Amino acid sequence: MTVQRNMVTTAFTLDGYRIQRNLGIVRGITVRSRSIFGTIGGSLHTIVGGNITAFTNLCEKARQEAFDLMLQHAGELGANAVIGMRYDANEVMQGVTEVLAYGTAVFVEAA
């Protein structure tokens, strides 16, 4: 079973659906590091200010990967939705960041 992106919410209910089964916590974890070139480029960009696109893109890729892994985990449990979805990030070591997407896998039916 695959969880569709529109069936993921940060809320604890899903409008138009009733929760039939709570399948437990699901998560997707990815650990990313910056390349030496990205680090140098990003460091130089801090001098002039503004959005550091190299870092923005890295962060977005990490969040997307963690999100996709969470959906995969939910699908493996038989879920068709995820409620209470959140992100968390921690620096594992200098230049290495863990990104976690997590929530509660549920099976819902139309209300």
C-alpha atoms as a PDB file:
ATOM      1  CA  MET A   1       0.000   0.000   0.000  1.00  0.00           C
ATOM      2  CA  THR A   2       1.255   3.463  -0.832  1.00  0.00           C
ATOM      3  CA  VAL A   3       0.503   6.590   1.181  1.00  0.00           C
ATOM      4  CA  GLN A   4      -0.338   9.500  -1.103  1.00  0.00           C
ATOM      5  CA  ARG A   5       1.233  12.875  -0.270  1.00  0.00           C
ATOM      6  CA  ASN A   6      -2.178  14.518   0.099  1.00  0.00           C
ATOM      7  CA  MET A   7      -2.953  12.025   2.892  1.00  0.00           C
ATOM      8  CA  VAL A   8      -0.232  13.427   5.172  1.00  0.00           C
ATOM      9  CA  THR A   9      -1.027  16.190   7.634  1.00  0.00           C
ATOM     10  CA  THR A  10       0.521  17.927  10.603  1.00  0.00           C
ATOM     11  CA  ALA A  11      -2.931  17.891  12.216  1.00  0.00           C
ATOM     12  CA  PHE A  12      -4.183  14.948  14.254  1.00  0.00           C
ATOM     13  CA  THR A  13      -7.290  14.495  12.133  1.00  0.00           C
ATOM     14  CA  LEU A  14      -7.801  14.343   8.384  1.00  0.00           C
ATOM     15  CA  ASP A  15     -10.818  16.310   7.168  1.00  0.00           C
ATOM     16  CA  GLY A  16     -13.423  14.097   5.519  1.00  0.00           C
ATOM     17  CA  TYR A  17     -11.954  10.870   6.955  1.00  0.00           C
ATOM     18  CA  ARG A  18     -12.425   8.725  10.042  1.00  0.00           C
ATOM     19  CA  ILE A  19      -9.455   6.963  11.589  1.00  0.00           C
ATOM     20  CA  GLN A  20     -10.212   3.236  11.620  1.00  0.00           C
ATOM     21  CA  ARG A  21      -6.857   1.985  12.918  1.00  0.00           C
ATOM     22  CA  ASN A  22      -3.815   3.568  14.510  1.00  0.00           C
ATOM     23  CA  LEU A  23      -0.773   1.680  13.229  1.00  0.00           C
ATOM     24  CA  GLY A  24       1.877   3.453  15.287  1.00  0.00           C
ATOM     25  CA  ILE A  25       4.755   5.824  14.821  1.00  0.00           C
ATOM     26  CA  VAL A  26       6.569   5.867  11.499  1.00  0.00           C
ATOM     27  CA  ARG A  27       9.759   7.640  10.566  1.00  0.00           C
ATOM     28  CA  GLY A  28      12.167   8.278   7.797  1.00  0.00           C
ATOM     29  CA  ILE A  29      15.753   9.200   8.589  1.00  0.00           C
ATOM     30  CA  THR A  30      18.496  10.453   6.328  1.00  0.00           C
ATOM     31  CA  VAL A  31      21.970  11.699   7.177  1.00  0.00           C
ATOM     32  CA  ARG A  32      23.585  14.197   4.825  1.00  0.00           C
ATOM     33  CA  SER A  33      26.923  15.954   4.627  1.00  0.00           C
ATOM     34  CA  ARG A  34      28.017  18.942   2.624  1.00  0.00           C
ATOM     35  CA  SER A  35      30.667  18.472  -0.012  1.00  0.00           C
ATOM     36  CA  ILE A  36      33.858  20.465   0.333  1.00  0.00           C
ATOM     37  CA  PHE A  37      32.834  22.512  -2.711  1.00  0.00           C
ATOM     38  CA  GLY A  38      29.399  23.222  -1.254  1.00  0.00           C
ATOM     39  CA  THR A  39      30.937  24.230   2.049  1.00  0.00           C
ATOM     40  CA  ILE A  40      33.418  26.607   0.403  1.00  0.00           C
ATOM     41  CA  GLY A  41      30.748  28.065  -1.887  1.00  0.00           C
ATOM     42  CA  GLY A  42      28.306  28.479   0.989  1.00  0.00           C
ATOM     43  CA  SER A  43      30.956  30.065   3.182  1.00  0.00           C
ATOM     44  CA  LEU A  44      31.840  32.569   0.469  1.00  0.00           C
ATOM     45  CA  HIS A  45      28.144  33.332  -0.038  1.00  0.00           C
ATOM     46  CA  THR A  46      27.805  34.325   3.640  1.00  0.00           C
ATOM     47  CA  ILE A  47      30.094  37.269   2.928  1.00  0.00           C
ATOM     48  CA  VAL A  48      27.610  38.872   0.514  1.00  0.00           C
ATOM     49  CA  GLY A  49      24.486  37.615   2.307  1.00  0.00           C
ATOM     50  CA  GLY A  50      21.212  36.331   0.950  1.00  0.00           C
ATOM     51  CA  ASN A  51      19.840  32.877   0.341  1.00  0.00           C
ATOM     52  CA  ILE A  52      22.586  30.263   0.182  1.00  0.00           C
ATOM     53  CA  THR A  53      21.065  28.062  -2.494  1.00  0.00           C
ATOM     54  CA  ALA A  54      23.645  25.276  -2.145  1.00  0.00           C
ATOM     55  CA  PHE A  55      22.590  24.763   1.472  1.00  0.00           C
ATOM     56  CA  THR A  56      18.890  25.325   0.718  1.00  0.00           C
ATOM     57  CA  ASN A  57      18.960  22.627  -1.956  1.00  0.00           C
ATOM     58  CA  LEU A  58      20.815  20.224   0.334  1.00  0.00           C
ATOM     59  CA  CYS A  59      18.269  20.777   3.113  1.00  0.00           C
ATOM     60  CA  GLU A  60      15.336  20.334   0.750  1.00  0.00           C
ATOM     61  CA  LYS A  61      16.767  17.082  -0.671  1.00  0.00           C
ATOM     62  CA  ALA A  62      17.318  15.739   2.851  1.00  0.00           C
ATOM     63  CA  ARG A  63      13.761  16.622   3.941  1.00  0.00           C
ATOM     64  CA  GLN A  64      12.287  15.064   0.797  1.00  0.00           C
ATOM     65  CA  GLU A  65      14.283  11.867   1.251  1.00  0.00           C
ATOM     66  CA  ALA A  66      13.252  11.572   4.916  1.00  0.00           C
ATOM     67  CA  PHE A  67       9.610  12.264   3.966  1.00  0.00           C
ATOM     68  CA  ASP A  68       9.645   9.593   1.240  1.00  0.00           C
ATOM     69  CA  LEU A  69      11.186   7.049   3.639  1.00  0.00           C
ATOM     70  CA  MET A  70       8.473   7.834   6.198  1.00  0.00           C
ATOM     71  CA  LEU A  71       5.759   7.240   3.571  1.00  0.00           C
ATOM     72  CA  GLN A  72       7.413   3.944   2.622  1.00  0.00           C
ATOM     73  CA  HIS A  73       7.486   2.869   6.276  1.00  0.00           C
ATOM     74  CA  ALA A  74       3.794   3.809   6.693  1.00  0.00           C
ATOM     75  CA  GLY A  75       2.844   1.862   3.565  1.00  0.00           C
ATOM     76  CA  GLU A  76       4.686  -1.211   4.839  1.00  0.00           C
ATOM     77  CA  LEU A  77       2.461  -1.111   7.943  1.00  0.00           C
ATOM     78  CA  GLY A  78      -0.696  -0.954   5.810  1.00  0.00           C
ATOM     79  CA  ALA A  79      -1.409   2.729   6.394  1.00  0.00           C
ATOM     80  CA  ASN A  80      -3.111   4.975   3.886  1.00  0.00           C
ATOM     81  CA  ALA A  81      -2.455   8.224   5.797  1.00  0.00           C
ATOM     82  CA  VAL A  82      -0.030   9.832   8.249  1.00  0.00           C
ATOM     83  CA  ILE A  83      -1.187  12.299  10.886  1.00  0.00           C
ATOM     84  CA  GLY A  84       0.808  14.497  13.257  1.00  0.00           C
ATOM     85  CA  MET A  85       3.691  14.653  10.774  1.00  0.00           C
ATOM     86  CA  ARG A  86       6.784  16.580  11.889  1.00  0.00           C
ATOM     87  CA  TYR A  87      10.420  17.142  10.919  1.00  0.00           C
ATOM     88  CA  ASP A  88      13.424  17.238  13.212  1.00  0.00           C
ATOM     89  CA  ALA A  89      17.089  17.816  12.433  1.00  0.00           C
ATOM     90  CA  ASN A  90      20.244  17.333  14.463  1.00  0.00           C
ATOM     91  CA  GLU A  91      23.873  17.894  13.714  1.00  0.00           C
ATOM     92  CA  VAL A  92      25.589  14.514  14.114  1.00  0.00           C
ATOM     93  CA  MET A  93      29.036  16.048  13.696  1.00  0.00           C
ATOM     94  CA  GLN A  94      30.329  19.223  12.077  1.00  0.00           C
ATOM     95  CA  GLY A  95      28.932  19.349   8.544  1.00  0.00           C
ATOM     96  CA  VAL A  96      26.826  16.197   8.973  1.00  0.00           C
ATOM     97  CA  THR A  97      23.112  16.533   9.688  1.00  0.00           C
ATOM     98  CA  GLU A  98      20.421  13.978  10.444  1.00  0.00           C
ATOM     99  CA  VAL A  99      16.930  14.810   9.180  1.00  0.00           C
ATOM    100  CA  LEU A 100      13.992  12.911  10.609  1.00  0.00           C
ATOM    101  CA  ALA A 101      10.418  12.922   9.287  1.00  0.00           C
ATOM    102  CA  TYR A 102       7.940  11.264  11.640  1.00  0.00           C
ATOM    103  CA  GLY A 103       4.258  10.913  12.365  1.00  0.00           C
ATOM    104  CA  THR A 104       1.515   8.446  13.204  1.00  0.00           C
ATOM    105  CA  ALA A 105       0.523   5.922  10.551  1.00  0.00           C
ATOM    106  CA  VAL A 106      -3.221   5.397  10.340  1.00  0.00           C
ATOM    107  CA  PHE A 107      -5.760   3.620   8.193  1.00  0.00           C
ATOM    108  CA  VAL A 108      -8.634   5.968   7.359  1.00  0.00           C
ATOM    109  CA  GLU A 109     -11.965   5.667   5.562  1.00  0.00           C
ATOM    110  CA  ALA A 110     -14.084   8.432   4.048  1.00  0.00           C
ATOM    111  CA  ALA A 111     -16.509   9.905   6.582  1.00  0.00           C
END
